[in-house]
Structures are given as C-alpha cells and as structure tokens.
C-alpha cells in the first residue's frame, strides 16, 4: 500500500550540473507498531511490531537527476509503497 502521509523533502546544497540518485530508507524507530489517527494528525502505538525485514532502499523514480532538478521544489515520495512481504 502507498504511504500516507507521503514523504516530501526539499533538497539543497547539490552541484547544479552533477547528477544524483535520491533514495529513501525506512528503519524501525523501536519495537512498536503505529497507526495514524486522521482527526488528530498523530501517530499512536498500536501494539508490538513484527520482526524487522531486511533493509531495502526506495530509489526515487526520477533518479538520476541533476542537482538543479532536485532543488527546484519539493521532492515527493508519494509513489513509495510499504509492504510486509519480503
């Protein structure tokens, strides 16, 4: 399933004409499972987590792109999907 809310970042400090890959790695904060409460816009504990899967990087679909391209505005990871499958 797609992540909600989507991760959006602003990128700066890159060389304008160099090309970069942008990737996201999600690692567990602790051994808890969380759920998002829409009406209060907060994450709350919803039990114990399963064993952590091996780390997999999510490569942004626009990668590689120039530093200038990444710095133009927000970079959205709205197409990233989370799964329990390994």
N, C-alpha and C. Protein backbone atom coordinates (compact mmCIF):
# COMPACT_ATOMS: atom_id res chain seq x y z
N UNK A 1 0.84 -1.19 0.00
CA UNK A 1 0.00 0.00 0.00
C UNK A 1 0.88 1.24 0.00
N UNK A 2 0.34 2.31 -0.52
CA UNK A 2 1.09 3.57 -0.57
C UNK A 2 1.13 4.20 0.81
N UNK A 3 2.23 4.88 1.08
CA UNK A 3 2.39 5.54 2.37
C UNK A 3 1.47 6.74 2.47
N UNK A 4 0.92 6.94 3.65
CA UNK A 4 0.15 8.15 3.92
C UNK A 4 0.46 8.58 5.34
N UNK A 5 0.79 9.82 5.57
CA UNK A 5 1.01 10.86 4.55
C UNK A 5 2.31 10.59 3.79
N UNK A 6 2.36 11.09 2.58
CA UNK A 6 3.55 10.90 1.73
C UNK A 6 4.72 11.72 2.27
N UNK A 7 5.92 11.20 2.08
CA UNK A 7 7.14 11.91 2.47
C UNK A 7 7.47 12.93 1.38
N UNK A 8 7.68 14.17 1.81
CA UNK A 8 8.08 15.24 0.88
C UNK A 8 9.28 15.95 1.51
N UNK A 9 10.31 16.18 0.70
CA UNK A 9 11.52 16.82 1.20
C UNK A 9 11.95 17.94 0.26
N UNK A 10 12.69 18.89 0.81
CA UNK A 10 13.35 19.92 -0.01
C UNK A 10 14.83 19.62 0.01
N UNK A 11 15.43 19.67 -1.16
CA UNK A 11 16.84 19.32 -1.31
C UNK A 11 17.62 20.59 -1.65
N UNK A 12 18.77 20.76 -1.01
CA UNK A 12 19.61 21.93 -1.31
C UNK A 12 21.08 21.53 -1.16
N UNK A 13 21.96 22.39 -1.63
CA UNK A 13 23.39 22.18 -1.48
C UNK A 13 24.02 21.25 -2.50
N UNK A 14 23.27 20.87 -3.53
CA UNK A 14 23.82 20.00 -4.57
C UNK A 14 24.44 20.83 -5.69
N UNK A 15 25.41 20.27 -6.36
CA UNK A 15 26.01 20.95 -7.51
C UNK A 15 25.01 20.89 -8.66
N UNK A 16 24.67 22.04 -9.26
CA UNK A 16 23.58 22.11 -10.24
C UNK A 16 23.69 21.17 -11.43
N UNK A 17 24.91 20.95 -11.95
CA UNK A 17 25.05 20.17 -13.18
C UNK A 17 25.51 18.73 -12.95
N UNK A 18 25.68 18.36 -11.69
CA UNK A 18 26.01 16.96 -11.37
C UNK A 18 24.71 16.18 -11.25
N UNK A 19 24.78 14.88 -11.50
CA UNK A 19 23.59 14.04 -11.40
C UNK A 19 23.62 13.23 -10.10
N UNK A 20 22.45 13.09 -9.50
CA UNK A 20 22.31 12.42 -8.21
C UNK A 20 21.16 11.43 -8.24
N UNK A 21 21.32 10.37 -7.49
CA UNK A 21 20.23 9.44 -7.21
C UNK A 21 19.67 9.83 -5.85
N UNK A 22 18.37 9.85 -5.71
CA UNK A 22 17.74 10.14 -4.43
C UNK A 22 17.03 8.88 -3.97
N UNK A 23 17.34 8.44 -2.75
CA UNK A 23 16.76 7.20 -2.22
C UNK A 23 16.26 7.42 -0.80
N UNK A 24 15.34 6.57 -0.40
CA UNK A 24 14.78 6.63 0.95
C UNK A 24 14.93 5.25 1.58
N UNK A 25 15.34 5.24 2.84
CA UNK A 25 15.47 4.00 3.60
C UNK A 25 14.63 4.17 4.86
N UNK A 26 13.74 3.25 5.12
CA UNK A 26 12.90 3.33 6.31
C UNK A 26 13.38 2.27 7.29
N UNK A 27 13.73 2.72 8.49
CA UNK A 27 14.19 1.80 9.54
C UNK A 27 13.29 1.96 10.76
N UNK A 28 13.07 0.88 11.51
CA UNK A 28 12.21 0.98 12.69
C UNK A 28 12.79 1.89 13.76
N UNK A 29 11.93 2.66 14.38
CA UNK A 29 12.33 3.53 15.49
C UNK A 29 12.47 2.71 16.77
N UNK A 30 11.57 1.76 16.94
CA UNK A 30 11.57 0.92 18.13
C UNK A 30 10.87 -0.39 17.77
N UNK A 31 10.44 -1.14 18.77
CA UNK A 31 9.79 -2.43 18.51
C UNK A 31 8.27 -2.34 18.60
N UNK A 32 7.71 -1.19 18.27
CA UNK A 32 6.26 -0.97 18.33
C UNK A 32 5.68 -0.83 16.93
N UNK A 33 4.38 -1.10 16.83
CA UNK A 33 3.61 -0.88 15.60
C UNK A 33 2.80 0.39 15.84
N UNK A 34 2.69 1.23 14.81
CA UNK A 34 1.99 2.51 14.94
C UNK A 34 0.85 2.60 13.94
N UNK A 35 -0.14 3.41 14.26
CA UNK A 35 -1.20 3.73 13.31
C UNK A 35 -1.42 5.23 13.33
N UNK A 36 -1.89 5.75 12.21
CA UNK A 36 -2.10 7.19 12.06
C UNK A 36 -3.54 7.52 12.41
N UNK A 37 -3.73 8.52 13.28
CA UNK A 37 -5.07 8.97 13.67
C UNK A 37 -5.36 10.25 12.88
N UNK A 38 -6.28 10.15 11.93
CA UNK A 38 -6.55 11.24 11.00
C UNK A 38 -7.07 12.51 11.68
N UNK A 39 -8.02 12.35 12.60
CA UNK A 39 -8.64 13.55 13.18
C UNK A 39 -7.68 14.37 14.04
N UNK A 40 -6.65 13.72 14.59
CA UNK A 40 -5.67 14.47 15.38
C UNK A 40 -4.32 14.59 14.67
N UNK A 41 -4.20 14.00 13.49
CA UNK A 41 -2.96 14.04 12.70
C UNK A 41 -1.75 13.58 13.50
N UNK A 42 -1.91 12.46 14.20
CA UNK A 42 -0.83 11.92 15.03
C UNK A 42 -0.69 10.43 14.82
N UNK A 43 0.52 9.94 15.11
CA UNK A 43 0.79 8.51 15.11
C UNK A 43 0.69 8.02 16.55
N UNK A 44 0.00 6.89 16.78
CA UNK A 44 -0.10 6.33 18.13
C UNK A 44 0.34 4.86 18.10
N UNK A 45 0.78 4.36 19.27
CA UNK A 45 1.21 2.97 19.38
C UNK A 45 0.00 2.06 19.23
N UNK A 46 0.16 1.02 18.42
CA UNK A 46 -0.94 0.08 18.15
C UNK A 46 -0.52 -1.36 18.41
N UNK A 47 0.49 -1.57 19.23
CA UNK A 47 0.93 -2.92 19.57
C UNK A 47 2.40 -3.13 19.28
N UNK A 48 2.82 -4.38 19.43
CA UNK A 48 4.21 -4.74 19.17
C UNK A 48 4.43 -5.02 17.69
N UNK A 49 5.61 -4.69 17.22
CA UNK A 49 5.94 -4.86 15.80
C UNK A 49 6.38 -6.29 15.50
N UNK A 50 6.27 -6.66 14.23
CA UNK A 50 6.84 -7.92 13.76
C UNK A 50 8.34 -7.74 13.65
N UNK A 51 9.05 -8.82 13.43
CA UNK A 51 10.49 -8.72 13.22
C UNK A 51 10.77 -7.84 12.00
N UNK A 52 11.79 -7.01 12.11
CA UNK A 52 12.11 -6.07 11.02
C UNK A 52 12.60 -6.83 9.79
N UNK A 53 12.08 -6.47 8.60
CA UNK A 53 12.56 -7.10 7.36
C UNK A 53 13.93 -6.54 7.00
N UNK A 54 14.62 -7.17 6.05
CA UNK A 54 15.90 -6.61 5.61
C UNK A 54 15.69 -5.23 4.99
N UNK A 55 16.67 -4.37 5.16
CA UNK A 55 16.55 -3.01 4.63
C UNK A 55 16.55 -3.02 3.11
N UNK A 56 15.62 -2.26 2.55
CA UNK A 56 15.57 -2.08 1.10
C UNK A 56 15.42 -0.59 0.83
N UNK A 57 16.29 -0.07 0.00
CA UNK A 57 16.20 1.34 -0.37
C UNK A 57 15.10 1.53 -1.41
N UNK A 58 14.37 2.64 -1.28
CA UNK A 58 13.41 3.02 -2.31
C UNK A 58 14.08 4.10 -3.14
N UNK A 59 14.38 3.80 -4.38
CA UNK A 59 15.02 4.76 -5.28
C UNK A 59 13.94 5.62 -5.91
N UNK A 60 14.07 6.94 -5.78
CA UNK A 60 13.08 7.85 -6.36
C UNK A 60 13.00 7.60 -7.87
N UNK A 61 11.78 7.52 -8.43
CA UNK A 61 11.63 7.20 -9.85
C UNK A 61 12.25 8.22 -10.81
N UNK A 62 12.51 9.44 -10.36
CA UNK A 62 13.14 10.45 -11.23
C UNK A 62 14.66 10.36 -11.20
N UNK A 63 15.22 9.45 -10.42
CA UNK A 63 16.67 9.29 -10.34
C UNK A 63 17.19 8.60 -11.59
N UNK A 64 18.39 8.96 -12.03
CA UNK A 64 19.19 10.11 -11.59
C UNK A 64 18.66 11.40 -12.20
N UNK A 65 18.92 12.49 -11.50
CA UNK A 65 18.54 13.82 -11.99
C UNK A 65 19.60 14.81 -11.55
N UNK A 66 19.63 15.95 -12.20
CA UNK A 66 20.64 16.97 -11.87
C UNK A 66 20.33 17.61 -10.52
N UNK A 67 21.35 18.14 -9.89
CA UNK A 67 21.17 18.86 -8.64
C UNK A 67 20.19 20.00 -8.80
N UNK A 68 20.22 20.65 -9.95
CA UNK A 68 19.29 21.73 -10.24
C UNK A 68 17.84 21.23 -10.25
N UNK A 69 17.62 20.08 -10.84
CA UNK A 69 16.27 19.50 -10.89
C UNK A 69 15.76 19.17 -9.50
N UNK A 70 16.59 18.54 -8.67
CA UNK A 70 16.16 18.18 -7.32
C UNK A 70 15.86 19.41 -6.48
N UNK A 71 16.59 20.50 -6.70
CA UNK A 71 16.44 21.69 -5.86
C UNK A 71 15.30 22.60 -6.29
N UNK A 72 14.61 22.31 -7.38
CA UNK A 72 13.55 23.20 -7.89
C UNK A 72 12.36 23.33 -6.95
N UNK A 73 12.05 22.33 -6.21
CA UNK A 73 10.88 22.37 -5.32
C UNK A 73 10.88 21.16 -4.43
N UNK A 74 9.74 20.83 -3.89
CA UNK A 74 9.64 19.65 -3.04
C UNK A 74 9.79 18.38 -3.87
N UNK A 75 10.48 17.42 -3.30
CA UNK A 75 10.59 16.10 -3.91
C UNK A 75 9.65 15.19 -3.13
N UNK A 76 8.71 14.59 -3.83
CA UNK A 76 7.71 13.76 -3.18
C UNK A 76 8.00 12.27 -3.38
N UNK A 77 7.84 11.52 -2.32
CA UNK A 77 7.95 10.07 -2.38
C UNK A 77 6.55 9.46 -2.32
N UNK A 78 5.58 10.10 -2.98
CA UNK A 78 4.19 9.66 -2.89
C UNK A 78 3.91 8.34 -3.60
N UNK A 79 4.85 7.87 -4.41
CA UNK A 79 4.65 6.58 -5.08
C UNK A 79 5.29 5.42 -4.33
N UNK A 80 5.96 5.72 -3.20
CA UNK A 80 6.58 4.66 -2.40
C UNK A 80 5.49 3.79 -1.78
N UNK A 81 5.73 2.49 -1.78
CA UNK A 81 4.76 1.56 -1.19
C UNK A 81 5.41 0.81 -0.04
N UNK A 82 4.61 0.56 0.98
CA UNK A 82 5.05 -0.23 2.12
C UNK A 82 4.42 -1.61 2.02
N UNK A 83 5.18 -2.61 2.42
CA UNK A 83 4.65 -3.97 2.38
C UNK A 83 5.24 -4.78 3.53
N UNK A 84 4.53 -5.82 3.92
CA UNK A 84 5.06 -6.77 4.90
C UNK A 84 5.77 -7.91 4.21
N UNK A 85 5.65 -7.98 2.89
CA UNK A 85 6.30 -9.05 2.14
C UNK A 85 7.79 -8.78 2.01
N UNK A 86 8.56 -9.82 2.04
CA UNK A 86 10.00 -9.66 1.89
C UNK A 86 10.32 -9.86 0.44
